């Protein structure tokens, strides 16, 4: 065994006969415990353990060596998946280091840094650290970095970080104050279709707060959102419909959106993706509250589209309660409420009576879903109303 080990170490070794304690000690010191430390590459990532682990790893993110920065960020992304480890990294100054790395000249470093920021933004501690360390500026205000990067991967992770940060009320306010709404609207109009959906999700999240809606209206968000309703990218058109619903909470915006939004929304009611159909129904439900939009809905064949869209809802309602699709049940609520609103127009009422829509609605009267029952009752009353 010793012969094999010493041969691999490149140390000459010959078996010696025992010569007493003194001789054996001399042999151990001179041969058997002789160190053979292997050289370590300059850009090798050497991890510490215990309390030193997080500070050591964070410090390597800003290393002057590119390979070391890349390796450190990959290790950080793996490590921060555990909440306890993330807390230690945050305490060691992770966010400050990531902000620096997000502006790196190397695409891999920038992509990894933005991915790590997006992951950190999912946790309250990470959100707090990002707000305290100015991450918003890095994500939305730096030329060539964050959502302005030429690299799609960097932009995708930066948009995800903005979205996650906007879910925090304080983060949402900070983003709005930093004019993130204006930045996102400009980004949406120039973004590639696969990333438009993500940018629209971030914009919609900012419109949860009233100031976000006000900024979106003043920056012309409607003119940017409505054309995307006809996008070939499913996620983009779906999120555009949801963003439009969030934008048109007041009557002036409903009137403005009606003429150009109704037709693409009617088309989307027949979309292959259930989530897109649900998004379209939400937007139609929002718009048709306004009387002038009801008039436009007749010309856009909204009643016909609603009647056709009800068919899958009827099939879903006939299934045992445990087998029903929850999203189709939500779609049912939206469709029935929209029918109730559109039926205030005499032409729509006549259509619903003549085409069997009333019979379909009657199948929802005994639904186990209280919201379906409530809106069905109102819709039937509206359709059967006689002056």
Foldseek 3Di string as FASTA:
>chain_A
DLCVVCVVLVHDDDDDDDDDDVVVVVCCVPPVPDDRDDDDDPLDQDADDDLVRLLSLLVQCPDPDPSSVLVSLVVLVVQVVDVVSVVSNVVNPNLLSLLVQCPDPDPSSVLSSLLSLLVLLQDPSSLVSCVVNVVLCQQQPDDCGHCNNPDPSRPQSSLSNLLSSLLDVVSLVVCVVVVVLLRLLVSLQVDDVVCNLSSLSSLQSSLVDVSSLVSCVVNVSLVSLQVQCPPPRQSNNLSSLQSLLSNLQDQVSLVVNLPRRLQSLLVQCPPPDLSSVLSSLSSLLSNLLHPVSLVVCVVSVVLVSLLVSLVVLLVLQPDDPVPHDVSSVSSLLSSLSSLLSSLLDVVSLVCCVVVVVLVSLVSQCPGPDPSSNVSSVSNNCSSPDDD
